[in-house]
């Protein structure tokens, strides 16, 4: 059940702001133009603490964590060349909500979506750190003419 709700939350968040959580980098190499597309993928997990008992005040609280993983795919002329590669850098967002996790899912998704500027900055930083490895990978896939 936990796994299903985690996937559902990740899908809902990914559909909410896909354009803002994608970063493209054009790369020139010996045989033409390629594009590296970096995409942020949230993986949300929740943990329920406290209790909720009939006539007593609830102490239920939902602790959530969203690991924002970055995936890169390399395209040449719109064709995916290398599959998807998960980058090593992961940004973690954390928070808590009063009440049960099942009823807090929409609020958690909104809190994560509100962090779009930070997620976007992380995405761009990962892309910048990846440039040398990206060029090396492109050269091994399609060495420049004359080599």
C-alpha atoms as a PDB file:
ATOM      1  CA  UNK A   1       0.000   0.000   0.000  1.00  0.00           C
ATOM      2  CA  UNK A   2       2.829   2.406   0.891  1.00  0.00           C
ATOM      3  CA  UNK A   3       4.522   1.784  -2.451  1.00  0.00           C
ATOM      4  CA  UNK A   4       1.317   2.433  -4.419  1.00  0.00           C
ATOM      5  CA  UNK A   5       0.629   5.746  -2.675  1.00  0.00           C
ATOM      6  CA  UNK A   6       4.239   6.796  -3.181  1.00  0.00           C
ATOM      7  CA  UNK A   7       3.997   6.117  -6.924  1.00  0.00           C
ATOM      8  CA  UNK A   8       0.635   7.864  -7.140  1.00  0.00           C
ATOM      9  CA  UNK A   9       2.012  10.949  -5.413  1.00  0.00           C
ATOM     10  CA  UNK A  10       5.084  11.021  -7.643  1.00  0.00           C
ATOM     11  CA  UNK A  11       2.898  10.740 -10.741  1.00  0.00           C
ATOM     12  CA  UNK A  12       0.567  13.504  -9.559  1.00  0.00           C
ATOM     13  CA  UNK A  13       3.467  15.855  -8.838  1.00  0.00           C
ATOM     14  CA  UNK A  14       5.220  15.037 -12.105  1.00  0.00           C
ATOM     15  CA  UNK A  15       2.030  15.823 -14.039  1.00  0.00           C
ATOM     16  CA  UNK A  16       1.498  19.075 -12.139  1.00  0.00           C
ATOM     17  CA  UNK A  17       4.635  20.907 -13.325  1.00  0.00           C
ATOM     18  CA  UNK A  18       6.557  18.860 -15.897  1.00  0.00           C
ATOM     19  CA  UNK A  19       7.812  21.828 -17.946  1.00  0.00           C
ATOM     20  CA  UNK A  20       9.277  23.567 -14.908  1.00  0.00           C
ATOM     21  CA  UNK A  21      11.058  20.409 -13.760  1.00  0.00           C
ATOM     22  CA  UNK A  22      12.802  19.792 -17.087  1.00  0.00           C
ATOM     23  CA  UNK A  23      16.043  21.373 -18.290  1.00  0.00           C
ATOM     24  CA  UNK A  24      17.538  20.914 -21.765  1.00  0.00           C
ATOM     25  CA  UNK A  25      21.157  21.505 -22.712  1.00  0.00           C
ATOM     26  CA  UNK A  26      22.168  21.565 -26.391  1.00  0.00           C
ATOM     27  CA  UNK A  27      25.552  19.952 -27.027  1.00  0.00           C
ATOM     28  CA  UNK A  28      27.620  20.266 -30.212  1.00  0.00           C
ATOM     29  CA  UNK A  29      29.856  17.349 -31.044  1.00  0.00           C
ATOM     30  CA  UNK A  30      31.826  16.083 -34.021  1.00  0.00           C
ATOM     31  CA  UNK A  31      28.855  14.584 -35.822  1.00  0.00           C
ATOM     32  CA  UNK A  32      26.194  17.214 -35.183  1.00  0.00           C
ATOM     33  CA  UNK A  33      23.880  18.378 -32.461  1.00  0.00           C
ATOM     34  CA  UNK A  34      22.657  16.471 -29.419  1.00  0.00           C
ATOM     35  CA  UNK A  35      20.398  17.492 -26.540  1.00  0.00           C
ATOM     36  CA  UNK A  36      20.772  16.402 -22.940  1.00  0.00           C
ATOM     37  CA  UNK A  37      17.417  16.513 -21.178  1.00  0.00           C
ATOM     38  CA  UNK A  38      17.467  16.600 -17.384  1.00  0.00           C
ATOM     39  CA  UNK A  39      14.247  15.833 -15.534  1.00  0.00           C
ATOM     40  CA  UNK A  40      13.467  16.031 -11.823  1.00  0.00           C
ATOM     41  CA  UNK A  41      11.521  13.057 -10.450  1.00  0.00           C
ATOM     42  CA  UNK A  42      10.028  13.289  -6.954  1.00  0.00           C
ATOM     43  CA  UNK A  43       9.706  10.147  -4.867  1.00  0.00           C
ATOM     44  CA  UNK A  44       7.482  10.855  -1.882  1.00  0.00           C
ATOM     45  CA  UNK A  45       7.346   8.724   1.237  1.00  0.00           C
ATOM     46  CA  UNK A  46       5.195   9.294   4.299  1.00  0.00           C
ATOM     47  CA  UNK A  47       5.153   8.067   7.875  1.00  0.00           C
ATOM     48  CA  UNK A  48       2.212   8.354  10.249  1.00  0.00           C
ATOM     49  CA  UNK A  49       2.963   9.140  13.907  1.00  0.00           C
ATOM     50  CA  UNK A  50       0.635   9.750  16.848  1.00  0.00           C
ATOM     51  CA  UNK A  51      -2.880   8.459  17.369  1.00  0.00           C
ATOM     52  CA  UNK A  52      -6.475   9.375  16.732  1.00  0.00           C
ATOM     53  CA  UNK A  53      -8.935   7.939  19.261  1.00  0.00           C
ATOM     54  CA  UNK A  54     -12.670   8.599  19.144  1.00  0.00           C
ATOM     55  CA  UNK A  55     -13.506  11.354  21.621  1.00  0.00           C
ATOM     56  CA  UNK A  56      -9.952  12.402  22.455  1.00  0.00           C
ATOM     57  CA  UNK A  57      -7.932  15.043  20.679  1.00  0.00           C
ATOM     58  CA  UNK A  58      -5.921  13.578  17.818  1.00  0.00           C
ATOM     59  CA  UNK A  59      -2.132  13.587  17.985  1.00  0.00           C
ATOM     60  CA  UNK A  60      -1.845  12.120  14.486  1.00  0.00           C
ATOM     61  CA  UNK A  61       0.831  13.722  12.353  1.00  0.00           C
ATOM     62  CA  UNK A  62       2.121  12.868   8.887  1.00  0.00           C
ATOM     63  CA  UNK A  63       5.864  13.159   8.322  1.00  0.00           C
ATOM     64  CA  UNK A  64       6.805  13.288   4.661  1.00  0.00           C
ATOM     65  CA  UNK A  65      10.014  13.186   2.672  1.00  0.00           C
ATOM     66  CA  UNK A  66      10.392  13.903  -1.031  1.00  0.00           C
ATOM     67  CA  UNK A  67      13.631  12.796  -2.672  1.00  0.00           C
ATOM     68  CA  UNK A  68      14.062  14.761  -5.877  1.00  0.00           C
ATOM     69  CA  UNK A  69      16.128  12.581  -8.192  1.00  0.00           C
ATOM     70  CA  UNK A  70      17.455  13.898 -11.500  1.00  0.00           C
ATOM     71  CA  UNK A  71      17.447  11.746 -14.619  1.00  0.00           C
ATOM     72  CA  UNK A  72      19.271  12.531 -17.846  1.00  0.00           C
ATOM     73  CA  UNK A  73      18.542  11.274 -21.320  1.00  0.00           C
ATOM     74  CA  UNK A  74      20.505  12.076 -24.430  1.00  0.00           C
ATOM     75  CA  UNK A  75      18.765  12.695 -27.737  1.00  0.00           C
ATOM     76  CA  UNK A  76      20.070  13.216 -31.245  1.00  0.00           C
ATOM     77  CA  UNK A  77      17.501  14.396 -33.791  1.00  0.00           C
ATOM     78  CA  UNK A  78      14.673  13.508 -31.367  1.00  0.00           C
ATOM     79  CA  UNK A  79      15.797   9.897 -30.926  1.00  0.00           C
ATOM     80  CA  UNK A  80      16.692   8.683 -27.433  1.00  0.00           C
ATOM     81  CA  UNK A  81      20.302   7.525 -27.751  1.00  0.00           C
ATOM     82  CA  UNK A  82      21.424   6.246 -24.363  1.00  0.00           C
ATOM     83  CA  UNK A  83      18.338   5.494 -22.335  1.00  0.00           C
ATOM     84  CA  UNK A  84      17.810   7.272 -19.048  1.00  0.00           C
ATOM     85  CA  UNK A  85      20.616   7.756 -16.568  1.00  0.00           C
ATOM     86  CA  UNK A  86      19.932   8.679 -12.962  1.00  0.00           C
ATOM     87  CA  UNK A  87      22.330  11.305 -11.711  1.00  0.00           C
ATOM     88  CA  UNK A  88      24.002  10.857  -8.315  1.00  0.00           C
ATOM     89  CA  UNK A  89      22.768  14.128  -6.783  1.00  0.00           C
ATOM     90  CA  UNK A  90      19.474  13.920  -4.893  1.00  0.00           C
ATOM     91  CA  UNK A  91      17.761  16.831  -3.176  1.00  0.00           C
ATOM     92  CA  UNK A  92      15.606  15.976  -0.173  1.00  0.00           C
ATOM     93  CA  UNK A  93      12.598  17.999   0.925  1.00  0.00           C
ATOM     94  CA  UNK A  94      10.933  17.263   4.273  1.00  0.00           C
ATOM     95  CA  UNK A  95       7.844  18.398   6.089  1.00  0.00           C
ATOM     96  CA  UNK A  96       4.998  17.410   8.351  1.00  0.00           C
ATOM     97  CA  UNK A  97       1.239  17.899   8.384  1.00  0.00           C
ATOM     98  CA  UNK A  98      -1.303  17.572  11.146  1.00  0.00           C
ATOM     99  CA  UNK A  99      -3.617  14.608  10.625  1.00  0.00           C
ATOM    100  CA  UNK A 100      -3.474  11.351   8.721  1.00  0.00           C
ATOM    101  CA  UNK A 101      -1.152  10.896   5.744  1.00  0.00           C
ATOM    102  CA  UNK A 102      -3.979   9.581   3.563  1.00  0.00           C
ATOM    103  CA  UNK A 103      -5.915  12.843   3.922  1.00  0.00           C
ATOM    104  CA  UNK A 104      -2.806  15.043   3.610  1.00  0.00           C
ATOM    105  CA  UNK A 105      -1.641  13.831   0.189  1.00  0.00           C
ATOM    106  CA  UNK A 106      -2.990  16.830  -1.735  1.00  0.00           C
ATOM    107  CA  UNK A 107      -1.470  19.288   0.737  1.00  0.00           C
ATOM    108  CA  UNK A 108       1.885  17.508   0.588  1.00  0.00           C
ATOM    109  CA  UNK A 109       1.839  17.689  -3.227  1.00  0.00           C
ATOM    110  CA  UNK A 110       1.145  21.435  -3.021  1.00  0.00           C
ATOM    111  CA  UNK A 111       3.999  21.947  -0.550  1.00  0.00           C
ATOM    112  CA  UNK A 112       6.380  20.148  -2.901  1.00  0.00           C
ATOM    113  CA  UNK A 113       5.106  22.094  -5.916  1.00  0.00           C
ATOM    114  CA  UNK A 114       5.692  25.331  -3.957  1.00  0.00           C
ATOM    115  CA  UNK A 115       9.389  24.381  -3.882  1.00  0.00           C
ATOM    116  CA  UNK A 116       9.609  24.543  -7.695  1.00  0.00           C
ATOM    117  CA  UNK A 117      12.242  27.349  -7.705  1.00  0.00           C
ATOM    118  CA  UNK A 118      14.538  25.300  -5.423  1.00  0.00           C
ATOM    119  CA  UNK A 119      13.930  22.130  -7.448  1.00  0.00           C
ATOM    120  CA  UNK A 120      14.633  23.990 -10.686  1.00  0.00           C
ATOM    121  CA  UNK A 121      17.872  25.452  -9.246  1.00  0.00           C
ATOM    122  CA  UNK A 122      18.944  21.941  -8.179  1.00  0.00           C
ATOM    123  CA  UNK A 123      18.178  20.625 -11.662  1.00  0.00           C
ATOM    124  CA  UNK A 124      20.293  23.324 -13.346  1.00  0.00           C
ATOM    125  CA  UNK A 125      23.172  22.790 -10.867  1.00  0.00           C
ATOM    126  CA  UNK A 126      23.194  19.042 -11.560  1.00  0.00           C
ATOM    127  CA  UNK A 127      23.230  19.720 -15.314  1.00  0.00           C
ATOM    128  CA  UNK A 128      26.180  22.101 -14.942  1.00  0.00           C
ATOM    129  CA  UNK A 129      28.180  19.590 -12.881  1.00  0.00           C
ATOM    130  CA  UNK A 130      27.465  16.891 -15.465  1.00  0.00           C
ATOM    131  CA  UNK A 131      28.873  18.703 -18.517  1.00  0.00           C
ATOM    132  CA  UNK A 132      32.316  17.038 -18.582  1.00  0.00           C
ATOM    133  CA  UNK A 133      30.896  13.527 -18.152  1.00  0.00           C
ATOM    134  CA  UNK A 134      28.239  14.282 -20.760  1.00  0.00           C
ATOM    135  CA  UNK A 135      30.826  15.338 -23.347  1.00  0.00           C
ATOM    136  CA  UNK A 136      32.896  12.229 -22.637  1.00  0.00           C
ATOM    137  CA  UNK A 137      29.826  10.032 -23.090  1.00  0.00           C
ATOM    138  CA  UNK A 138      28.889  11.739 -26.352  1.00  0.00           C
ATOM    139  CA  UNK A 139      32.427  11.286 -27.686  1.00  0.00           C
ATOM    140  CA  UNK A 140      32.312   7.544 -26.952  1.00  0.00           C
ATOM    141  CA  UNK A 141      28.915   7.207 -28.654  1.00  0.00           C
ATOM    142  CA  UNK A 142      29.802   9.225 -31.732  1.00  0.00           C
ATOM    143  CA  UNK A 143      33.479  10.092 -32.019  1.00  0.00           C
ATOM    144  CA  UNK A 144      34.197  13.247 -34.046  1.00  0.00           C
ATOM    145  CA  UNK A 145      34.838  12.753 -37.747  1.00  0.00           C
ATOM    146  CA  UNK A 146      38.511  12.176 -38.487  1.00  0.00           C
ATOM    147  CA  UNK A 147      39.307  10.146 -35.360  1.00  0.00           C
END
